[in-house]
Amino acid sequence: GGYRPPVPQFYDYDAPGLTGVAPHVTVAEAMRREQDLLRLEEELTCPVTQKLLEEPVTLDSGHTLSFTAAAQRLVKVADALDPGDELWMISCPVTQVVTYVAGGFVGLPKLINPNLRRLVSQVKAAVQRNALKSSPPPLPT
């Protein structure tokens, strides 16, 4: 085989063991990944704050709010001698389905979805990395 000039590639800063070597990612593949990331980011956006979920609280409707948005929507529906026994509710801003929360602000953390929290953290990191990748690596000398 004769000499073949290098083909321009997208640079992946996260590829293991690569230092200054661009992986073989086609333009179409890179665009598909970007679209997938944007769709995922949209799915993980709080319908109240319109930002990526922070401490995601999953409601009985199946929708998820950021913790602060959920806390702001808490309404007490029944008093009790012990504050941990008070009954509170959150109405889903999308479907209006009610989620009951024993203890109100004390019980709300029990609704935080740890798997979704991890996924949101990974997406935030990917979004930040993607922003860093917008400038190409230096050319080899």
N, C-alpha and C. Protein backbone atom coordinates (compact mmCIF):
# COMPACT_ATOMS: atom_id res chain seq x y z
N GLY A 1 0.80 -1.18 0.00
CA GLY A 1 0.00 0.00 0.00
C GLY A 1 0.85 1.24 0.00
N GLY A 2 0.40 2.19 -0.78
CA GLY A 2 1.08 3.47 -0.85
C GLY A 2 0.62 4.41 0.24
N TYR A 3 1.14 5.60 0.21
CA TYR A 3 0.79 6.60 1.21
C TYR A 3 -0.64 7.08 0.99
N ARG A 4 -1.42 7.13 2.08
CA ARG A 4 -2.78 7.67 2.02
C ARG A 4 -2.83 8.87 2.95
N PRO A 5 -3.25 10.02 2.46
CA PRO A 5 -3.32 11.19 3.35
C PRO A 5 -4.37 10.95 4.44
N PRO A 6 -4.16 11.51 5.63
CA PRO A 6 -5.12 11.32 6.72
C PRO A 6 -6.48 11.93 6.37
N VAL A 7 -7.53 11.27 6.80
CA VAL A 7 -8.90 11.75 6.59
C VAL A 7 -9.30 12.53 7.84
N PRO A 8 -9.85 13.73 7.67
CA PRO A 8 -10.28 14.50 8.85
C PRO A 8 -11.32 13.71 9.65
N GLN A 9 -11.16 13.67 10.95
CA GLN A 9 -12.06 12.93 11.83
C GLN A 9 -12.47 13.83 12.98
N PHE A 10 -13.59 13.45 13.63
CA PHE A 10 -13.95 14.13 14.87
C PHE A 10 -13.05 13.59 15.97
N TYR A 11 -12.67 14.46 16.85
CA TYR A 11 -11.77 14.08 17.93
C TYR A 11 -12.57 13.74 19.17
N ASP A 12 -12.26 12.62 19.77
CA ASP A 12 -12.97 12.20 20.97
C ASP A 12 -12.01 12.28 22.15
N TYR A 13 -12.16 13.32 22.98
CA TYR A 13 -11.27 13.50 24.11
C TYR A 13 -11.44 12.42 25.16
N ASP A 14 -12.56 11.71 25.11
CA ASP A 14 -12.84 10.71 26.14
C ASP A 14 -12.42 9.30 25.75
N ALA A 15 -11.96 9.11 24.52
CA ALA A 15 -11.58 7.76 24.10
C ALA A 15 -10.38 7.30 24.92
N PRO A 16 -10.46 6.11 25.49
CA PRO A 16 -9.37 5.64 26.36
C PRO A 16 -8.07 5.42 25.59
N GLY A 17 -7.00 5.88 26.16
CA GLY A 17 -5.68 5.61 25.61
C GLY A 17 -5.31 6.40 24.38
N LEU A 18 -6.13 7.33 23.97
CA LEU A 18 -5.80 8.10 22.77
C LEU A 18 -5.21 9.44 23.19
N THR A 19 -4.02 9.71 22.70
CA THR A 19 -3.40 11.00 22.97
C THR A 19 -3.04 11.61 21.63
N GLY A 20 -3.89 12.50 21.16
CA GLY A 20 -3.63 13.17 19.89
C GLY A 20 -3.99 12.34 18.68
N VAL A 21 -4.70 11.24 18.84
CA VAL A 21 -5.09 10.42 17.71
C VAL A 21 -6.60 10.48 17.59
N ALA A 22 -7.11 10.89 16.44
CA ALA A 22 -8.55 10.99 16.25
C ALA A 22 -9.12 9.61 15.95
N PRO A 23 -10.20 9.21 16.63
CA PRO A 23 -10.84 7.93 16.33
C PRO A 23 -11.57 8.02 15.00
N HIS A 24 -11.95 6.92 14.46
CA HIS A 24 -12.62 6.88 13.16
C HIS A 24 -14.13 7.00 13.37
N VAL A 25 -14.59 8.24 13.47
CA VAL A 25 -16.00 8.53 13.63
C VAL A 25 -16.42 9.35 12.41
N THR A 26 -17.42 8.86 11.71
CA THR A 26 -17.87 9.58 10.52
C THR A 26 -18.65 10.82 10.93
N VAL A 27 -18.79 11.74 10.01
CA VAL A 27 -19.57 12.95 10.26
C VAL A 27 -21.01 12.57 10.59
N ALA A 28 -21.57 11.61 9.86
CA ALA A 28 -22.95 11.18 10.10
C ALA A 28 -23.11 10.60 11.51
N GLU A 29 -22.13 9.79 11.93
CA GLU A 29 -22.18 9.19 13.28
C GLU A 29 -22.08 10.28 14.35
N ALA A 30 -21.20 11.23 14.15
CA ALA A 30 -21.04 12.32 15.12
C ALA A 30 -22.32 13.14 15.20
N MET A 31 -22.97 13.39 14.09
CA MET A 31 -24.22 14.14 14.08
C MET A 31 -25.33 13.34 14.77
N ARG A 32 -25.37 12.01 14.56
CA ARG A 32 -26.38 11.17 15.21
C ARG A 32 -26.19 11.20 16.72
N ARG A 33 -24.93 11.12 17.15
CA ARG A 33 -24.64 11.17 18.59
C ARG A 33 -25.08 12.50 19.19
N GLU A 34 -24.82 13.58 18.46
CA GLU A 34 -25.21 14.91 18.92
C GLU A 34 -26.73 14.99 19.05
N GLN A 35 -27.46 14.47 18.06
CA GLN A 35 -28.93 14.48 18.10
C GLN A 35 -29.44 13.62 19.25
N ASP A 36 -28.82 12.46 19.48
CA ASP A 36 -29.21 11.59 20.59
C ASP A 36 -29.03 12.31 21.93
N LEU A 37 -27.91 13.00 22.06
CA LEU A 37 -27.63 13.72 23.30
C LEU A 37 -28.65 14.85 23.51
N LEU A 38 -29.00 15.56 22.44
CA LEU A 38 -29.99 16.62 22.55
C LEU A 38 -31.36 16.07 22.93
N ARG A 39 -31.75 14.91 22.35
CA ARG A 39 -33.04 14.29 22.70
C ARG A 39 -33.05 13.85 24.16
N LEU A 40 -31.94 13.26 24.60
CA LEU A 40 -31.84 12.82 25.99
C LEU A 40 -31.89 14.01 26.94
N GLU A 41 -31.20 15.06 26.58
CA GLU A 41 -31.21 16.29 27.39
C GLU A 41 -32.64 16.83 27.50
N GLU A 42 -33.38 16.79 26.40
CA GLU A 42 -34.77 17.26 26.39
C GLU A 42 -35.64 16.39 27.31
N GLU A 43 -35.45 15.07 27.26
CA GLU A 43 -36.23 14.15 28.10
C GLU A 43 -35.92 14.34 29.59
N LEU A 44 -34.71 14.79 29.90
CA LEU A 44 -34.29 14.96 31.29
C LEU A 44 -34.42 16.40 31.77
N THR A 45 -35.29 17.15 31.11
CA THR A 45 -35.53 18.54 31.48
C THR A 45 -36.79 18.63 32.35
N CYS A 46 -36.69 19.34 33.44
CA CYS A 46 -37.83 19.54 34.35
C CYS A 46 -38.90 20.37 33.63
N PRO A 47 -40.16 19.91 33.64
CA PRO A 47 -41.21 20.67 32.97
C PRO A 47 -41.53 22.01 33.66
N VAL A 48 -41.09 22.18 34.89
CA VAL A 48 -41.34 23.43 35.62
C VAL A 48 -40.18 24.41 35.42
N THR A 49 -38.96 23.96 35.68
CA THR A 49 -37.81 24.87 35.61
C THR A 49 -37.25 25.02 34.20
N GLN A 50 -37.57 24.07 33.32
CA GLN A 50 -37.04 24.03 31.95
C GLN A 50 -35.51 23.92 31.92
N LYS A 51 -34.96 23.31 32.98
CA LYS A 51 -33.51 23.04 33.06
C LYS A 51 -33.34 21.55 33.30
N LEU A 52 -32.11 21.06 33.12
CA LEU A 52 -31.85 19.66 33.44
C LEU A 52 -32.26 19.38 34.88
N LEU A 53 -32.82 18.20 35.10
CA LEU A 53 -33.31 17.83 36.43
C LEU A 53 -32.21 17.93 37.48
N GLU A 54 -32.57 18.44 38.64
CA GLU A 54 -31.68 18.48 39.80
C GLU A 54 -32.36 17.66 40.89
N GLU A 55 -31.74 16.63 41.38
CA GLU A 55 -32.34 15.75 42.38
C GLU A 55 -33.74 15.34 41.92
N PRO A 56 -33.82 14.53 40.85
CA PRO A 56 -35.10 14.20 40.22
C PRO A 56 -36.08 13.47 41.13
N VAL A 57 -37.28 14.03 41.25
CA VAL A 57 -38.37 13.46 42.05
C VAL A 57 -39.41 12.90 41.07
N THR A 58 -39.62 11.58 41.10
CA THR A 58 -40.58 10.95 40.20
C THR A 58 -41.94 10.90 40.88
N LEU A 59 -42.95 11.43 40.20
CA LEU A 59 -44.31 11.48 40.73
C LEU A 59 -45.09 10.23 40.31
N ASP A 60 -46.24 10.03 40.91
CA ASP A 60 -47.09 8.88 40.58
C ASP A 60 -47.55 8.92 39.12
N SER A 61 -47.55 10.08 38.51
CA SER A 61 -47.94 10.22 37.09
C SER A 61 -46.87 9.65 36.17
N GLY A 62 -45.67 9.41 36.73
CA GLY A 62 -44.54 8.97 35.92
C GLY A 62 -43.67 10.13 35.46
N HIS A 63 -44.15 11.35 35.63
CA HIS A 63 -43.34 12.51 35.27
C HIS A 63 -42.36 12.82 36.40
N THR A 64 -41.31 13.54 36.05
CA THR A 64 -40.26 13.84 37.01
C THR A 64 -40.03 15.34 37.08
N LEU A 65 -39.86 15.83 38.30
CA LEU A 65 -39.57 17.24 38.54
C LEU A 65 -38.24 17.35 39.28
N SER A 66 -37.62 18.52 39.18
CA SER A 66 -36.49 18.81 40.03
C SER A 66 -37.00 18.91 41.46
N PHE A 67 -36.15 18.57 42.42
CA PHE A 67 -36.55 18.57 43.84
C PHE A 67 -37.16 19.91 44.24
N THR A 68 -36.51 21.02 43.88
CA THR A 68 -37.02 22.33 44.29
C THR A 68 -38.39 22.61 43.68
N ALA A 69 -38.61 22.20 42.43
CA ALA A 69 -39.92 22.40 41.79
C ALA A 69 -40.98 21.57 42.51
N ALA A 70 -40.63 20.34 42.88
CA ALA A 70 -41.56 19.47 43.60
C ALA A 70 -41.87 20.07 44.98
N ALA A 71 -40.84 20.56 45.66
CA ALA A 71 -41.02 21.14 47.00
C ALA A 71 -41.93 22.37 46.94
N GLN A 72 -41.80 23.16 45.90
CA GLN A 72 -42.64 24.36 45.75
C GLN A 72 -44.10 24.01 45.49
N ARG A 73 -44.35 22.81 44.97
CA ARG A 73 -45.71 22.39 44.64
C ARG A 73 -46.39 21.62 45.77
N LEU A 74 -45.66 21.36 46.87
CA LEU A 74 -46.24 20.62 48.00
C LEU A 74 -47.37 21.41 48.65
N VAL A 75 -48.49 20.74 48.91
CA VAL A 75 -49.63 21.34 49.60
C VAL A 75 -50.06 20.40 50.71
N LYS A 76 -50.21 20.94 51.93
CA LYS A 76 -50.64 20.10 53.06
C LYS A 76 -52.13 19.80 52.93
N VAL A 77 -52.47 18.51 53.09
CA VAL A 77 -53.88 18.13 53.01
C VAL A 77 -54.42 17.58 54.33
N ALA A 78 -53.53 17.18 55.26
CA ALA A 78 -53.99 16.67 56.56
C ALA A 78 -52.93 16.90 57.62
N ASP A 79 -53.34 17.49 58.74
CA ASP A 79 -52.44 17.70 59.87
C ASP A 79 -52.30 16.42 60.69
N ALA A 80 -51.26 16.36 61.47
CA ALA A 80 -51.05 15.23 62.39
C ALA A 80 -50.25 15.76 63.57
N LEU A 81 -50.31 15.04 64.69
CA LEU A 81 -49.52 15.43 65.86
C LEU A 81 -48.04 15.37 65.54
N ASP A 82 -47.62 14.33 64.88
CA ASP A 82 -46.22 14.17 64.48
C ASP A 82 -46.07 14.72 63.06
N PRO A 83 -45.20 15.73 62.85
CA PRO A 83 -45.03 16.30 61.51
C PRO A 83 -44.69 15.26 60.44
N GLY A 84 -44.04 14.17 60.85
CA GLY A 84 -43.70 13.12 59.89
C GLY A 84 -44.91 12.36 59.39
N ASP A 85 -46.05 12.51 60.10
CA ASP A 85 -47.29 11.83 59.70
C ASP A 85 -48.24 12.73 58.92
N GLU A 86 -47.90 14.01 58.80
CA GLU A 86 -48.77 14.92 58.05
C GLU A 86 -48.84 14.45 56.59
N LEU A 87 -49.99 14.64 55.98
CA LEU A 87 -50.17 14.23 54.59
C LEU A 87 -50.12 15.46 53.69
N TRP A 88 -49.25 15.38 52.70
CA TRP A 88 -49.08 16.46 51.74
C TRP A 88 -49.33 15.88 50.35
N MET A 89 -49.51 16.75 49.36
CA MET A 89 -49.69 16.28 48.00
C MET A 89 -48.97 17.19 47.02
N ILE A 90 -48.64 16.60 45.88
CA ILE A 90 -48.07 17.35 44.76
C ILE A 90 -48.94 17.02 43.55
N SER A 91 -49.39 18.03 42.87
CA SER A 91 -50.16 17.82 41.64
C SER A 91 -49.17 17.90 40.47
N CYS A 92 -49.18 16.88 39.62
CA CYS A 92 -48.28 16.85 38.47
C CYS A 92 -48.60 18.02 37.55
N PRO A 93 -47.61 18.83 37.16
CA PRO A 93 -47.88 19.98 36.30
C PRO A 93 -48.26 19.57 34.87
N VAL A 94 -48.00 18.32 34.51
CA VAL A 94 -48.30 17.86 33.15
C VAL A 94 -49.69 17.22 33.07
N THR A 95 -49.98 16.32 34.02
CA THR A 95 -51.23 15.54 33.96
C THR A 95 -52.22 15.88 35.07
N GLN A 96 -51.80 16.61 36.08
CA GLN A 96 -52.61 16.95 37.27
C GLN A 96 -52.84 15.74 38.18
N VAL A 97 -52.21 14.59 37.90
CA VAL A 97 -52.32 13.42 38.78
C VAL A 97 -51.66 13.78 40.11
N VAL A 98 -52.32 13.41 41.20
CA VAL A 98 -51.84 13.77 42.54
C VAL A 98 -50.93 12.68 43.10
N THR A 99 -49.82 13.10 43.69
CA THR A 99 -48.91 12.21 44.42
C THR A 99 -48.98 12.63 45.88
N TYR A 100 -49.26 11.68 46.76
CA TYR A 100 -49.32 11.98 48.20
C TYR A 100 -47.96 11.71 48.81
N VAL A 101 -47.55 12.62 49.69
CA VAL A 101 -46.24 12.54 50.33
C VAL A 101 -46.43 12.62 51.84
N ALA A 102 -46.16 11.53 52.54
CA ALA A 102 -46.24 11.55 54.01
C ALA A 102 -45.07 12.36 54.54
N GLY A 103 -45.36 13.30 55.41
CA GLY A 103 -44.29 14.09 56.02
C GLY A 103 -43.89 15.30 55.23
N GLY A 104 -44.46 15.53 54.07
CA GLY A 104 -44.16 16.73 53.28
C GLY A 104 -42.69 16.86 52.93
N PHE A 105 -42.08 17.94 53.41
CA PHE A 105 -40.67 18.21 53.09
C PHE A 105 -39.75 17.12 53.65
N VAL A 106 -40.17 16.50 54.76
CA VAL A 106 -39.37 15.43 55.36
C VAL A 106 -39.44 14.16 54.50
N GLY A 107 -40.62 13.88 53.92
CA GLY A 107 -40.81 12.67 53.13
C GLY A 107 -40.42 12.81 51.67
N LEU A 108 -40.31 14.05 51.17
CA LEU A 108 -40.03 14.28 49.75
C LEU A 108 -38.74 13.63 49.26
N PRO A 109 -37.65 13.66 50.03
CA PRO A 109 -36.41 13.02 49.55
C PRO A 109 -36.58 11.53 49.22
N LYS A 110 -37.58 10.87 49.81
CA LYS A 110 -37.80 9.45 49.51
C LYS A 110 -38.25 9.24 48.07
N LEU A 111 -38.73 10.30 47.43
CA LEU A 111 -39.19 10.20 46.03
C LEU A 111 -38.08 10.47 45.02
N ILE A 112 -36.89 10.82 45.50
CA ILE A 112 -35.77 11.07 44.59
C ILE A 112 -35.39 9.75 43.92
N ASN A 113 -35.25 9.80 42.60
CA ASN A 113 -34.94 8.62 41.80
C ASN A 113 -33.42 8.54 41.61
N PRO A 114 -32.72 7.62 42.33
CA PRO A 114 -31.25 7.58 42.26
C PRO A 114 -30.73 7.18 40.87
N ASN A 115 -31.45 6.32 40.16
CA ASN A 115 -31.00 5.93 38.81
C ASN A 115 -31.08 7.11 37.85
N LEU A 116 -32.16 7.85 37.94
CA LEU A 116 -32.31 9.02 37.09
C LEU A 116 -31.30 10.09 37.48
N ARG A 117 -31.02 10.21 38.77
CA ARG A 117 -30.01 11.17 39.23
C ARG A 117 -28.66 10.86 38.59
N ARG A 118 -28.28 9.57 38.55
CA ARG A 118 -27.02 9.17 37.93
C ARG A 118 -27.02 9.47 36.44
N LEU A 119 -28.13 9.18 35.76
CA LEU A 119 -28.23 9.43 34.32
C LEU A 119 -28.11 10.92 34.01
N VAL A 120 -28.79 11.75 34.79
CA VAL A 120 -28.71 13.20 34.60
C VAL A 120 -27.27 13.67 34.78
N SER A 121 -26.59 13.14 35.78
CA SER A 121 -25.19 13.51 36.02
C SER A 121 -24.32 13.14 34.82
N GLN A 122 -24.55 11.97 34.25
CA GLN A 122 -23.78 11.53 33.08
C GLN A 122 -24.08 12.41 31.86
N VAL A 123 -25.34 12.78 31.68
CA VAL A 123 -25.71 13.63 30.55
C VAL A 123 -25.09 15.02 30.71
N LYS A 124 -25.12 15.56 31.95
CA LYS A 124 -24.50 16.87 32.19
C LYS A 124 -23.02 16.83 31.82
N ALA A 125 -22.34 15.76 32.22
CA ALA A 125 -20.92 15.62 31.91
C ALA A 125 -20.71 15.53 30.40
N ALA A 126 -21.57 14.78 29.71
CA ALA A 126 -21.45 14.64 28.26
C ALA A 126 -21.69 15.97 27.55
N VAL A 127 -22.66 16.73 28.04
CA VAL A 127 -22.95 18.04 27.46
C VAL A 127 -21.74 18.96 27.63
N GLN A 128 -21.14 18.93 28.82
CA GLN A 128 -19.95 19.76 29.06
C GLN A 128 -18.79 19.33 28.17
N ARG A 129 -18.59 18.01 28.05
CA ARG A 129 -17.52 17.51 27.17
C ARG A 129 -17.77 17.91 25.73
N ASN A 130 -19.03 17.83 25.32
CA ASN A 130 -19.40 18.18 23.95
C ASN A 130 -19.09 19.64 23.68
N ALA A 131 -19.32 20.50 24.66
CA ALA A 131 -19.02 21.93 24.52
C ALA A 131 -17.52 22.13 24.36
N LEU A 132 -16.74 21.33 25.10
CA LEU A 132 -15.28 21.45 25.00
C LEU A 132 -14.77 20.98 23.65
N LYS A 133 -15.49 20.02 23.04
CA LYS A 133 -15.05 19.45 21.77
C LYS A 133 -15.33 20.36 20.59
N SER A 134 -16.03 21.45 20.79
CA SER A 134 -16.39 22.29 19.66
C SER A 134 -15.17 22.90 18.99
N SER A 135 -14.04 22.96 19.71
CA SER A 135 -12.81 23.41 19.06
C SER A 135 -11.93 22.20 18.78
N PRO A 136 -11.38 22.12 17.59
CA PRO A 136 -10.59 20.93 17.22
C PRO A 136 -9.27 20.89 17.97
N PRO A 137 -8.69 19.71 18.09
CA PRO A 137 -7.39 19.60 18.77
C PRO A 137 -6.31 20.24 17.90
N PRO A 138 -5.17 20.55 18.53
CA PRO A 138 -4.09 21.13 17.73
C PRO A 138 -3.58 20.11 16.72
N LEU A 139 -3.16 20.62 15.58
CA LEU A 139 -2.60 19.74 14.55
C LEU A 139 -1.23 19.24 14.98
N PRO A 140 -0.91 17.99 14.64
CA PRO A 140 0.43 17.48 15.00
C PRO A 140 1.51 18.24 14.22
N THR A 141 2.65 18.42 14.87
CA THR A 141 3.75 19.15 14.23
C THR A 141 4.83 18.19 13.79
